[in-house]
């Protein structure tokens, strides 16, 4: 994995994990559920971006 790609992925992963943690602590409100979904979207975006890139499909 490229050096720059690693750090960008780490930042997106950290932001997603933070959103999931904050959203889980506020899961009683609608805003907490939105934060959970945003965190999950960050994680899935990494998966759907990195796997084809690592397999040289793009």
N, C-alpha and C. Protein backbone atom coordinates (compact mmCIF):
# COMPACT_ATOMS: atom_id res chain seq x y z
N UNK A 1 0.85 -1.17 0.00
CA UNK A 1 0.00 0.00 0.00
C UNK A 1 0.90 1.23 0.00
N UNK A 2 0.49 2.21 -0.75
CA UNK A 2 1.27 3.44 -0.81
C UNK A 2 1.28 4.13 0.54
N UNK A 3 2.32 4.89 0.77
CA UNK A 3 2.46 5.59 2.04
C UNK A 3 1.32 6.59 2.25
N UNK A 4 1.01 7.39 1.24
CA UNK A 4 -0.04 8.40 1.37
C UNK A 4 -1.40 7.74 1.52
N UNK A 5 -1.63 6.64 0.80
CA UNK A 5 -2.90 5.94 0.89
C UNK A 5 -3.12 5.37 2.29
N UNK A 6 -2.05 4.92 2.93
CA UNK A 6 -2.15 4.39 4.28
C UNK A 6 -2.62 5.46 5.25
N UNK A 7 -2.02 6.64 5.20
CA UNK A 7 -2.38 7.67 6.16
C UNK A 7 -3.79 8.21 5.92
N UNK A 8 -4.18 8.33 4.66
CA UNK A 8 -5.55 8.76 4.37
C UNK A 8 -6.56 7.74 4.86
N UNK A 9 -6.24 6.47 4.67
CA UNK A 9 -7.13 5.41 5.14
C UNK A 9 -7.21 5.38 6.66
N UNK A 10 -6.08 5.61 7.30
CA UNK A 10 -6.07 5.63 8.76
C UNK A 10 -6.92 6.77 9.31
N UNK A 11 -6.86 7.92 8.67
CA UNK A 11 -7.66 9.07 9.10
C UNK A 11 -9.14 8.79 8.92
N UNK A 12 -9.52 8.22 7.77
CA UNK A 12 -10.93 7.91 7.53
C UNK A 12 -11.42 6.84 8.49
N UNK A 13 -10.58 5.83 8.75
CA UNK A 13 -10.94 4.79 9.70
C UNK A 13 -11.12 5.36 11.10
N UNK A 14 -10.21 6.24 11.51
CA UNK A 14 -10.30 6.85 12.85
C UNK A 14 -11.55 7.71 12.97
N UNK A 15 -11.86 8.48 11.93
CA UNK A 15 -13.07 9.30 11.95
C UNK A 15 -14.32 8.41 12.02
N UNK A 16 -14.32 7.31 11.27
CA UNK A 16 -15.46 6.40 11.31
C UNK A 16 -15.62 5.75 12.67
N UNK A 17 -14.52 5.34 13.27
CA UNK A 17 -14.59 4.73 14.60
C UNK A 17 -15.07 5.75 15.64
N UNK A 18 -14.62 6.98 15.52
CA UNK A 18 -15.06 8.02 16.44
C UNK A 18 -16.56 8.29 16.27
N UNK A 19 -17.03 8.34 15.03
CA UNK A 19 -18.46 8.56 14.78
C UNK A 19 -19.30 7.41 15.34
N UNK A 20 -18.83 6.19 15.18
CA UNK A 20 -19.56 5.04 15.71
C UNK A 20 -19.60 5.10 17.24
N UNK A 21 -18.49 5.44 17.86
CA UNK A 21 -18.44 5.52 19.33
C UNK A 21 -19.37 6.61 19.87
N UNK A 22 -19.30 7.78 19.27
CA UNK A 22 -20.15 8.89 19.72
C UNK A 22 -21.62 8.57 19.43
N UNK A 23 -21.88 8.01 18.27
CA UNK A 23 -23.26 7.65 17.92
C UNK A 23 -23.82 6.59 18.84
N UNK A 24 -23.00 5.62 19.24
CA UNK A 24 -23.47 4.58 20.14
C UNK A 24 -23.80 5.15 21.51
N UNK A 25 -23.03 6.13 21.96
CA UNK A 25 -23.32 6.72 23.26
C UNK A 25 -24.56 7.60 23.23
N UNK A 26 -24.96 8.06 22.05
CA UNK A 26 -26.17 8.89 21.90
C UNK A 26 -27.26 8.16 21.12
N UNK A 27 -27.32 6.87 21.21
CA UNK A 27 -28.23 6.09 20.38
C UNK A 27 -29.70 6.29 20.71
N UNK A 28 -30.02 6.96 21.80
CA UNK A 28 -31.41 7.22 22.15
C UNK A 28 -32.01 8.34 21.30
N UNK A 29 -31.16 9.21 20.78
CA UNK A 29 -31.63 10.33 19.95
C UNK A 29 -31.47 10.01 18.48
N UNK A 30 -32.15 10.77 17.65
CA UNK A 30 -32.01 10.62 16.21
C UNK A 30 -30.60 10.98 15.75
N UNK A 31 -30.00 11.96 16.39
CA UNK A 31 -28.65 12.37 16.00
C UNK A 31 -27.63 11.25 16.23
N UNK A 32 -27.83 10.46 17.25
CA UNK A 32 -26.94 9.34 17.52
C UNK A 32 -27.03 8.28 16.44
N UNK A 33 -28.24 8.02 15.97
CA UNK A 33 -28.43 7.04 14.91
C UNK A 33 -27.77 7.53 13.62
N UNK A 34 -27.89 8.82 13.36
CA UNK A 34 -27.25 9.40 12.16
C UNK A 34 -25.74 9.28 12.27
N UNK A 35 -25.19 9.51 13.43
CA UNK A 35 -23.74 9.38 13.62
C UNK A 35 -23.29 7.93 13.44
N UNK A 36 -24.09 6.98 13.92
CA UNK A 36 -23.78 5.58 13.71
C UNK A 36 -23.75 5.23 12.22
N UNK A 37 -24.73 5.72 11.48
CA UNK A 37 -24.78 5.46 10.04
C UNK A 37 -23.61 6.12 9.31
N UNK A 38 -23.25 7.32 9.73
CA UNK A 38 -22.12 8.00 9.09
C UNK A 38 -20.81 7.24 9.35
N UNK A 39 -20.64 6.74 10.57
CA UNK A 39 -19.45 5.96 10.89
C UNK A 39 -19.40 4.67 10.10
N UNK A 40 -20.55 4.00 9.98
CA UNK A 40 -20.60 2.77 9.18
C UNK A 40 -20.32 3.07 7.71
N UNK A 41 -20.80 4.20 7.22
CA UNK A 41 -20.55 4.58 5.83
C UNK A 41 -19.06 4.83 5.59
N UNK A 42 -18.38 5.43 6.56
CA UNK A 42 -16.93 5.63 6.43
C UNK A 42 -16.20 4.30 6.33
N UNK A 43 -16.58 3.36 7.18
CA UNK A 43 -15.93 2.04 7.16
C UNK A 43 -16.21 1.32 5.84
N UNK A 44 -17.45 1.35 5.37
CA UNK A 44 -17.78 0.68 4.12
C UNK A 44 -17.13 1.36 2.93
N UNK A 45 -16.99 2.66 2.98
CA UNK A 45 -16.34 3.37 1.89
C UNK A 45 -14.89 2.92 1.75
N UNK A 46 -14.22 2.72 2.88
CA UNK A 46 -12.85 2.22 2.83
C UNK A 46 -12.79 0.83 2.21
N UNK A 47 -13.72 -0.02 2.60
CA UNK A 47 -13.74 -1.39 2.07
C UNK A 47 -13.95 -1.37 0.56
N UNK A 48 -14.95 -0.62 0.11
CA UNK A 48 -15.28 -0.62 -1.32
C UNK A 48 -14.28 0.18 -2.15
N UNK A 49 -13.43 0.96 -1.52
CA UNK A 49 -12.39 1.67 -2.26
C UNK A 49 -11.08 0.90 -2.26
N UNK A 50 -10.70 0.35 -1.11
CA UNK A 50 -9.37 -0.26 -0.99
C UNK A 50 -9.28 -1.66 -1.58
N UNK A 51 -10.31 -2.47 -1.44
CA UNK A 51 -10.22 -3.84 -1.95
C UNK A 51 -10.03 -3.87 -3.45
N UNK A 52 -10.85 -3.16 -4.26
CA UNK A 52 -10.56 -3.18 -5.70
C UNK A 52 -9.20 -2.56 -6.04
N UNK A 53 -8.78 -1.55 -5.28
CA UNK A 53 -7.49 -0.92 -5.55
C UNK A 53 -6.35 -1.89 -5.25
N UNK A 54 -6.46 -2.64 -4.17
CA UNK A 54 -5.41 -3.60 -3.82
C UNK A 54 -5.40 -4.80 -4.76
N UNK A 55 -6.55 -5.14 -5.32
CA UNK A 55 -6.62 -6.25 -6.28
C UNK A 55 -6.36 -5.80 -7.70
N UNK A 56 -6.03 -4.53 -7.88
CA UNK A 56 -5.72 -3.93 -9.19
C UNK A 56 -6.88 -4.04 -10.16
N UNK A 57 -8.09 -3.85 -9.64
CA UNK A 57 -9.27 -3.87 -10.48
C UNK A 57 -9.60 -2.49 -11.05
N UNK A 58 -9.01 -1.45 -10.44
CA UNK A 58 -9.27 -0.10 -10.92
C UNK A 58 -8.02 0.49 -11.53
